[in-house]
PDB file of N, CA and C in Angstrom:
ATOM      1  N   UNK A   1     114.145  80.226 116.863  1.00  0.00           N
ATOM      2  CA  UNK A   1     114.559  81.377 117.643  1.00  0.00           C
ATOM      3  C   UNK A   1     115.586  80.888 118.660  1.00  0.00           C
ATOM      4  N   UNK A   2     116.730  81.527 118.610  1.00  0.00           N
ATOM      5  CA  UNK A   2     117.794  81.172 119.532  1.00  0.00           C
ATOM      6  C   UNK A   2     117.601  81.843 120.883  1.00  0.00           C
ATOM      7  N   UNK A   3     118.452  81.472 121.807  1.00  0.00           N
ATOM      8  CA  UNK A   3     118.380  82.019 123.160  1.00  0.00           C
ATOM      9  C   UNK A   3     118.643  83.522 123.166  1.00  0.00           C
ATOM     10  N   UNK A   4     119.592  83.971 122.358  1.00  0.00           N
ATOM     11  CA  UNK A   4     119.901  85.400 122.302  1.00  0.00           C
ATOM     12  C   UNK A   4     118.716  86.207 121.786  1.00  0.00           C
ATOM     13  N   UNK A   5     118.052  85.717 120.748  1.00  0.00           N
ATOM     14  CA  UNK A   5     116.895  86.415 120.189  1.00  0.00           C
ATOM     15  C   UNK A   5     115.752  86.465 121.202  1.00  0.00           C
ATOM     16  N   UNK A   6     115.584  85.394 121.966  1.00  0.00           N
ATOM     17  CA  UNK A   6     114.555  85.367 122.996  1.00  0.00           C
ATOM     18  C   UNK A   6     114.845  86.385 124.090  1.00  0.00           C
ATOM     19  N   UNK A   7     116.094  86.486 124.504  1.00  0.00           N
ATOM     20  CA  UNK A   7     116.470  87.456 125.530  1.00  0.00           C
ATOM     21  C   UNK A   7     116.248  88.876 125.031  1.00  0.00           C
ATOM     22  N   UNK A   8     116.613  89.146 123.791  1.00  0.00           N
ATOM     23  CA  UNK A   8     116.407  90.476 123.206  1.00  0.00           C
ATOM     24  C   UNK A   8     114.921  90.798 123.137  1.00  0.00           C
ATOM     25  N   UNK A   9     114.089  89.837 122.717  1.00  0.00           N
ATOM     26  CA  UNK A   9     112.649  90.057 122.644  1.00  0.00           C
ATOM     27  C   UNK A   9     112.070  90.342 124.027  1.00  0.00           C
ATOM     28  N   UNK A  10     112.544  89.645 125.044  1.00  0.00           N
ATOM     29  CA  UNK A  10     112.056  89.878 126.405  1.00  0.00           C
ATOM     30  C   UNK A  10     112.479  91.253 126.918  1.00  0.00           C
ATOM     31  N   UNK A  11     113.687  91.664 126.616  1.00  0.00           N
ATOM     32  CA  UNK A  11     114.150  92.986 127.054  1.00  0.00           C
ATOM     33  C   UNK A  11     113.364  94.086 126.356  1.00  0.00           C
ATOM     34  N   UNK A  12     113.194  93.971 125.043  1.00  0.00           N
ATOM     35  CA  UNK A  12     112.424  94.969 124.302  1.00  0.00           C
ATOM     36  C   UNK A  12     110.979  94.982 124.781  1.00  0.00           C
ATOM     37  N   UNK A  13     110.400  93.818 125.020  1.00  0.00           N
ATOM     38  CA  UNK A  13     109.032  93.742 125.524  1.00  0.00           C
ATOM     39  C   UNK A  13     108.892  94.388 126.886  1.00  0.00           C
ATOM     40  N   UNK A  14     109.862  94.166 127.756  1.00  0.00           N
ATOM     41  CA  UNK A  14     109.804  94.752 129.097  1.00  0.00           C
ATOM     42  C   UNK A  14     109.895  96.270 129.046  1.00  0.00           C
ATOM     43  N   UNK A  15     110.809  96.787 128.250  1.00  0.00           N
ATOM     44  CA  UNK A  15     110.968  98.246 128.147  1.00  0.00           C
ATOM     45  C   UNK A  15     109.742  98.874 127.499  1.00  0.00           C
ATOM     46  N   UNK A  16     109.265  98.263 126.420  1.00  0.00           N
ATOM     47  CA  UNK A  16     108.086  98.799 125.729  1.00  0.00           C
ATOM     48  C   UNK A  16     106.847  98.735 126.609  1.00  0.00           C
ATOM     49  N   UNK A  17     106.667  97.641 127.328  1.00  0.00           N
ATOM     50  CA  UNK A  17     105.522  97.509 128.232  1.00  0.00           C
ATOM     51  C   UNK A  17     105.579  98.509 129.371  1.00  0.00           C
ATOM     52  N   UNK A  18     106.788  98.745 129.900  1.00  0.00           N
ATOM     53  CA  UNK A  18     106.946  99.720 130.977  1.00  0.00           C
ATOM     54  C   UNK A  18     106.618 101.118 130.456  1.00  0.00           C
ATOM     55  N   UNK A  19     107.117 101.465 129.273  1.00  0.00           N
ATOM     56  CA  UNK A  19     106.816 102.779 128.690  1.00  0.00           C
ATOM     57  C   UNK A  19     105.311 102.947 128.459  1.00  0.00           C
ATOM     58  N   UNK A  20     104.677 101.921 127.927  1.00  0.00           N
ATOM     59  CA  UNK A  20     103.239 101.999 127.672  1.00  0.00           C
ATOM     60  C   UNK A  20     102.461 102.124 128.975  1.00  0.00           C
ATOM     61  N   UNK A  21     102.841 101.352 129.981  1.00  0.00           N
ATOM     62  CA  UNK A  21     102.177 101.446 131.282  1.00  0.00           C
ATOM     63  C   UNK A  21     102.369 102.808 131.910  1.00  0.00           C
ATOM     64  N   UNK A  22     103.553 103.373 131.744  1.00  0.00           N
ATOM     65  CA  UNK A  22     103.840 104.703 132.288  1.00  0.00           C
ATOM     66  C   UNK A  22     103.001 105.772 131.586  1.00  0.00           C
ATOM     67  N   UNK A  23     102.844 105.660 130.278  1.00  0.00           N
ATOM     68  CA  UNK A  23     102.083 106.651 129.512  1.00  0.00           C
ATOM     69  C   UNK A  23     100.584 106.527 129.785  1.00  0.00           C
ATOM     70  N   UNK A  24     100.058 105.327 129.758  1.00  0.00           N
ATOM     71  CA  UNK A  24      98.605 105.134 129.866  1.00  0.00           C
ATOM     72  C   UNK A  24      98.135 105.125 131.313  1.00  0.00           C
ATOM     73  N   UNK A  25      98.811 104.406 132.169  1.00  0.00           N
ATOM     74  CA  UNK A  25      98.339 104.194 133.539  1.00  0.00           C
ATOM     75  C   UNK A  25      99.076 105.052 134.554  1.00  0.00           C
ATOM     76  N   UNK A  26     100.286 105.453 134.251  1.00  0.00           N
ATOM     77  CA  UNK A  26     101.079 106.212 135.191  1.00  0.00           C
ATOM     78  C   UNK A  26     102.136 105.380 135.883  1.00  0.00           C
ATOM     79  N   UNK A  27     102.269 104.116 135.516  1.00  0.00           N
ATOM     80  CA  UNK A  27     103.267 103.228 136.109  1.00  0.00           C
ATOM     81  C   UNK A  27     103.286 101.910 135.381  1.00  0.00           C
ATOM     82  N   UNK A  28     104.257 101.071 135.687  1.00  0.00           N
ATOM     83  CA  UNK A  28     104.366  99.781 135.028  1.00  0.00           C
ATOM     84  C   UNK A  28     103.416  98.754 135.620  1.00  0.00           C
ATOM     85  N   UNK A  29     103.500  97.535 135.106  1.00  0.00           N
ATOM     86  CA  UNK A  29     102.639  96.435 135.547  1.00  0.00           C
ATOM     87  C   UNK A  29     103.437  95.326 136.198  1.00  0.00           C
ATOM     88  N   UNK A  30     104.649  95.601 136.618  1.00  0.00           N
ATOM     89  CA  UNK A  30     105.531  94.554 137.095  1.00  0.00           C
ATOM     90  C   UNK A  30     106.282  93.960 135.915  1.00  0.00           C
ATOM     91  N   UNK A  31     107.330  93.221 136.173  1.00  0.00           N
ATOM     92  CA  UNK A  31     108.191  92.724 135.100  1.00  0.00           C
ATOM     93  C   UNK A  31     107.441  91.830 134.125  1.00  0.00           C
ATOM     94  N   UNK A  32     106.724  90.842 134.626  1.00  0.00           N
ATOM     95  CA  UNK A  32     106.012  89.913 133.744  1.00  0.00           C
ATOM     96  C   UNK A  32     104.907  90.634 132.975  1.00  0.00           C
ATOM     97  N   UNK A  33     104.150  91.477 133.661  1.00  0.00           N
ATOM     98  CA  UNK A  33     103.083  92.235 133.000  1.00  0.00           C
ATOM     99  C   UNK A  33     103.624  93.156 131.925  1.00  0.00           C
ATOM    100  N   UNK A  34     104.748  93.816 132.202  1.00  0.00           N
ATOM    101  CA  UNK A  34     105.366  94.696 131.211  1.00  0.00           C
ATOM    102  C   UNK A  34     105.822  93.916 129.980  1.00  0.00           C
ATOM    103  N   UNK A  35     106.408  92.750 130.204  1.00  0.00           N
ATOM    104  CA  UNK A  35     106.864  91.922 129.086  1.00  0.00           C
ATOM    105  C   UNK A  35     105.681  91.489 128.224  1.00  0.00           C
ATOM    106  N   UNK A  36     104.613  91.038 128.861  1.00  0.00           N
ATOM    107  CA  UNK A  36     103.436  90.582 128.114  1.00  0.00           C
ATOM    108  C   UNK A  36     102.816  91.732 127.325  1.00  0.00           C
ATOM    109  N   UNK A  37     102.630  92.884 127.972  1.00  0.00           N
ATOM    110  CA  UNK A  37     102.047  94.043 127.289  1.00  0.00           C
ATOM    111  C   UNK A  37     102.953  94.476 126.138  1.00  0.00           C
ATOM    112  N   UNK A  38     104.264  94.487 126.349  1.00  0.00           N
ATOM    113  CA  UNK A  38     105.201  94.877 125.300  1.00  0.00           C
ATOM    114  C   UNK A  38     105.197  93.926 124.115  1.00  0.00           C
ATOM    115  N   UNK A  39     105.125  92.634 124.376  1.00  0.00           N
ATOM    116  CA  UNK A  39     105.115  91.656 123.289  1.00  0.00           C
ATOM    117  C   UNK A  39     103.804  91.730 122.514  1.00  0.00           C
ATOM    118  N   UNK A  40     102.684  91.870 123.212  1.00  0.00           N
ATOM    119  CA  UNK A  40     101.400  92.035 122.525  1.00  0.00           C
ATOM    120  C   UNK A  40     101.425  93.328 121.706  1.00  0.00           C
ATOM    121  N   UNK A  41     101.990  94.382 122.270  1.00  0.00           N
ATOM    122  CA  UNK A  41     102.116  95.642 121.537  1.00  0.00           C
ATOM    123  C   UNK A  41     102.977  95.497 120.296  1.00  0.00           C
ATOM    124  N   UNK A  42     104.044  94.706 120.389  1.00  0.00           N
ATOM    125  CA  UNK A  42     104.903  94.465 119.229  1.00  0.00           C
ATOM    126  C   UNK A  42     104.144  93.720 118.135  1.00  0.00           C
ATOM    127  N   UNK A  43     103.311  92.763 118.533  1.00  0.00           N
ATOM    128  CA  UNK A  43     102.505  92.037 117.552  1.00  0.00           C
ATOM    129  C   UNK A  43     101.515  92.970 116.860  1.00  0.00           C
ATOM    130  N   UNK A  44     100.874  93.832 117.640  1.00  0.00           N
ATOM    131  CA  UNK A  44      99.921  94.795 117.064  1.00  0.00           C
ATOM    132  C   UNK A  44     100.644  95.748 116.121  1.00  0.00           C
ATOM    133  N   UNK A  45     101.783  96.265 116.564  1.00  0.00           N
ATOM    134  CA  UNK A  45     102.538  97.213 115.740  1.00  0.00           C
ATOM    135  C   UNK A  45     103.070  96.555 114.467  1.00  0.00           C
ATOM    136  N   UNK A  46     103.496  95.298 114.559  1.00  0.00           N
ATOM    137  CA  UNK A  46     104.027  94.620 113.377  1.00  0.00           C
ATOM    138  C   UNK A  46     102.944  94.353 112.338  1.00  0.00           C
ATOM    139  N   UNK A  47     101.709  94.318 112.754  1.00  0.00           N
ATOM    140  CA  UNK A  47     100.598  94.186 111.811  1.00  0.00           C
ATOM    141  C   UNK A  47     100.114  95.555 111.334  1.00  0.00           C
ATOM    142  N   UNK A  48      99.972  96.505 112.266  1.00  0.00           N
ATOM    143  CA  UNK A  48      99.357  97.790 111.963  1.00  0.00           C
ATOM    144  C   UNK A  48     100.257  98.713 111.154  1.00  0.00           C
ATOM    145  N   UNK A  49     101.519  98.834 111.518  1.00  0.00           N
ATOM    146  CA  UNK A  49     102.397  99.800 110.857  1.00  0.00           C
ATOM    147  C   UNK A  49     102.583  99.520 109.365  1.00  0.00           C
ATOM    148  N   UNK A  50     102.878  98.287 108.951  1.00  0.00           N
ATOM    149  CA  UNK A  50     102.986  98.044 107.501  1.00  0.00           C
ATOM    150  C   UNK A  50     101.660  98.268 106.771  1.00  0.00           C
ATOM    151  N   UNK A  51     100.545  97.972 107.444  1.00  0.00           N
ATOM    152  CA  UNK A  51      99.238  98.204 106.832  1.00  0.00           C
ATOM    153  C   UNK A  51      99.034  99.684 106.542  1.00  0.00           C
ATOM    154  N   UNK A  52      99.496 100.543 107.457  1.00  0.00           N
ATOM    155  CA  UNK A  52      99.367 101.995 107.290  1.00  0.00           C
ATOM    156  C   UNK A  52     100.527 102.598 106.505  1.00  0.00           C
ATOM    157  N   UNK A  53     101.530 101.800 106.181  1.00  0.00           N
ATOM    158  CA  UNK A  53     102.691 102.286 105.449  1.00  0.00           C
ATOM    159  C   UNK A  53     103.665 103.072 106.311  1.00  0.00           C
ATOM    160  N   UNK A  54     103.682 102.797 107.613  1.00  0.00           N
ATOM    161  CA  UNK A  54     104.568 103.501 108.540  1.00  0.00           C
ATOM    162  C   UNK A  54     105.781 102.645 108.884  1.00  0.00           C
ATOM    163  N   UNK A  55     106.886 103.322 109.199  1.00  0.00           N
ATOM    164  CA  UNK A  55     108.088 102.638 109.652  1.00  0.00           C
ATOM    165  C   UNK A  55     108.818 103.532 110.641  1.00  0.00           C
ATOM    166  N   UNK A  56     109.245 102.973 111.750  1.00  0.00           N
ATOM    167  CA  UNK A  56     109.988 103.733 112.748  1.00  0.00           C
ATOM    168  C   UNK A  56     111.476 103.436 112.682  1.00  0.00           C
ATOM    169  N   UNK A  57     111.928 102.774 111.654  1.00  0.00           N
ATOM    170  CA  UNK A  57     113.338 102.454 111.507  1.00  0.00           C
ATOM    171  C   UNK A  57     113.667 101.104 112.099  1.00  0.00           C
ATOM    172  N   UNK A  58     114.929 100.776 112.032  1.00  0.00           N
ATOM    173  CA  UNK A  58     115.364  99.483 112.534  1.00  0.00           C
ATOM    174  C   UNK A  58     116.146  99.627 113.824  1.00  0.00           C
ATOM    175  N   UNK A  59     116.628  98.523 114.300  1.00  0.00           N
ATOM    176  CA  UNK A  59     117.436  98.523 115.509  1.00  0.00           C
ATOM    177  C   UNK A  59     116.600  98.514 116.776  1.00  0.00           C
ATOM    178  N   UNK A  60     117.306  98.639 117.886  1.00  0.00           N
ATOM    179  CA  UNK A  60     116.674  98.578 119.211  1.00  0.00           C
ATOM    180  C   UNK A  60     115.678  99.700 119.415  1.00  0.00           C
ATOM    181  N   UNK A  61     116.079 100.907 119.072  1.00  0.00           N
ATOM    182  CA  UNK A  61     115.222 102.068 119.336  1.00  0.00           C
ATOM    183  C   UNK A  61     113.930 101.977 118.531  1.00  0.00           C
ATOM    184  N   UNK A  62     114.029 101.626 117.262  1.00  0.00           N
ATOM    185  CA  UNK A  62     112.831 101.481 116.438  1.00  0.00           C
ATOM    186  C   UNK A  62     111.917 100.382 116.941  1.00  0.00           C
ATOM    187  N   UNK A  63     112.510  99.272 117.374  1.00  0.00           N
ATOM    188  CA  UNK A  63     111.707  98.161 117.900  1.00  0.00           C
ATOM    189  C   UNK A  63     111.012  98.554 119.194  1.00  0.00           C
ATOM    190  N   UNK A  64     111.707  99.264 120.074  1.00  0.00           N
ATOM    191  CA  UNK A  64     111.100  99.683 121.343  1.00  0.00           C
ATOM    192  C   UNK A  64     109.988 100.698 121.086  1.00  0.00           C
ATOM    193  N   UNK A  65     110.236 101.666 120.195  1.00  0.00           N
ATOM    194  CA  UNK A  65     109.204 102.663 119.899  1.00  0.00           C
ATOM    195  C   UNK A  65     107.971 102.030 119.249  1.00  0.00           C
ATOM    196  N   UNK A  66     108.183 101.127 118.313  1.00  0.00           N
ATOM    197  CA  UNK A  66     107.055 100.456 117.666  1.00  0.00           C
ATOM    198  C   UNK A  66     106.283  99.599 118.674  1.00  0.00           C
ATOM    199  N   UNK A  67     106.997  98.842 119.488  1.00  0.00           N
ATOM    200  CA  UNK A  67     106.342  97.993 120.487  1.00  0.00           C
ATOM    201  C   UNK A  67     105.592  98.828 121.517  1.00  0.00           C
ATOM    202  N   UNK A  68     106.200  99.915 121.954  1.00  0.00           N
ATOM    203  CA  UNK A  68     105.539 100.779 122.936  1.00  0.00           C
ATOM    204  C   UNK A  68     104.294 101.425 122.338  1.00  0.00           C
ATOM    205  N   UNK A  69     104.378 101.844 121.086  1.00  0.00           N
ATOM    206  CA  UNK A  69     103.204 102.427 120.430  1.00  0.00           C
ATOM    207  C   UNK A  69     102.082 101.404 120.320  1.00  0.00           C
ATOM    208  N   UNK A  70     102.405 100.193 119.915  1.00  0.00           N
ATOM    209  CA  UNK A  70     101.400  99.135 119.850  1.00  0.00           C
ATOM    210  C   UNK A  70     100.827  98.808 121.214  1.00  0.00           C
ATOM    211  N   UNK A  71     101.683  98.783 122.232  1.00  0.00           N
ATOM    212  CA  UNK A  71     101.218  98.488 123.591  1.00  0.00           C
ATOM    213  C   UNK A  71     100.320  99.604 124.116  1.00  0.00           C
ATOM    214  N   UNK A  72     100.642 100.849 123.795  1.00  0.00           N
ATOM    215  CA  UNK A  72      99.781 101.968 124.199  1.00  0.00           C
ATOM    216  C   UNK A  72      98.414 101.822 123.560  1.00  0.00           C
ATOM    217  N   UNK A  73      98.374 101.463 122.291  1.00  0.00           N
ATOM    218  CA  UNK A  73      97.082 101.257 121.611  1.00  0.00           C
ATOM    219  C   UNK A  73      96.297 100.118 122.263  1.00  0.00           C
ATOM    220  N   UNK A  74      96.987  99.045 122.621  1.00  0.00           N
ATOM    221  CA  UNK A  74      96.322  97.908 123.282  1.00  0.00           C
ATOM    222  C   UNK A  74      95.747  98.336 124.626  1.00  0.00           C
ATOM    223  N   UNK A  75      96.527  99.073 125.418  1.00  0.00           N
ATOM    224  CA  UNK A  75      96.056  99.504 126.741  1.00  0.00           C
ATOM    225  C   UNK A  75      94.890 100.486 126.639  1.00  0.00           C
ATOM    226  N   UNK A  76      94.929 101.375 125.662  1.00  0.00           N
ATOM    227  CA  UNK A  76      93.807 102.305 125.460  1.00  0.00           C
ATOM    228  C   UNK A  76      92.565 101.522 125.067  1.00  0.00           C
ATOM    229  N   UNK A  77      92.711 100.541 124.196  1.00  0.00           N
ATOM    230  CA  UNK A  77      91.566  99.709 123.795  1.00  0.00           C
ATOM    231  C   UNK A  77      90.993  98.966 125.002  1.00  0.00           C
ATOM    232  N   UNK A  78      91.857  98.420 125.832  1.00  0.00           N
ATOM    233  CA  UNK A  78      91.390  97.692 127.025  1.00  0.00           C
ATOM    234  C   UNK A  78      90.641  98.639 127.968  1.00  0.00           C
ATOM    235  N   UNK A  79      91.162  99.852 128.148  1.00  0.00           N
ATOM    236  CA  UNK A  79      90.469 100.828 129.009  1.00  0.00           C
ATOM    237  C   UNK A  79      89.100 101.173 128.437  1.00  0.00           C
ATOM    238  N   UNK A  80      88.992 101.321 127.132  1.00  0.00           N
ATOM    239  CA  UNK A  80      87.706 101.646 126.512  1.00  0.00           C
ATOM    240  C   UNK A  80      86.717 100.494 126.671  1.00  0.00           C
ATOM    241  N   UNK A  81      87.178  99.272 126.519  1.00  0.00           N
ATOM    242  CA  UNK A  81      86.301  98.098 126.642  1.00  0.00           C
ATOM    243  C   UNK A  81      85.843  97.924 128.084  1.00  0.00           C
ATOM    244  N   UNK A  82      86.715  98.188 129.043  1.00  0.00           N
ATOM    245  CA  UNK A  82      86.334  98.048 130.460  1.00  0.00           C
ATOM    246  C   UNK A  82      85.278  99.053 130.875  1.00  0.00           C
ATOM    247  N   UNK A  83      85.234 100.206 130.255  1.00  0.00           N
ATOM    248  CA  UNK A  83      84.255 101.231 130.602  1.00  0.00           C
ATOM    249  C   UNK A  83      82.844 100.864 130.155  1.00  0.00           C
ATOM    250  N   UNK A  84      82.753 100.042 129.136  1.00  0.00           N
ATOM    251  CA  UNK A  84      81.432  99.692 128.573  1.00  0.00           C
ATOM    252  C   UNK A  84      80.718  98.714 129.463  1.00  0.00           C
TER     253      UNK A  84
END
């Protein structure tokens, strides 16, 4: 992974994490927290979407939407586990 790919992954992770935090919690988690949540969400989405036969397209927008969707699922799961 080159430096450019790493920067793109961090930007997509930050945007996706911020969107997920805004949807689930009502706000972001700070820059580092947003990046971590977005990257974890991207990992979940990259496993889950092909398993379900779903695709959100390619490019930046598709990557951000997929990562944000995965991050939202991760945050909802964490909220459910914390309640128990």
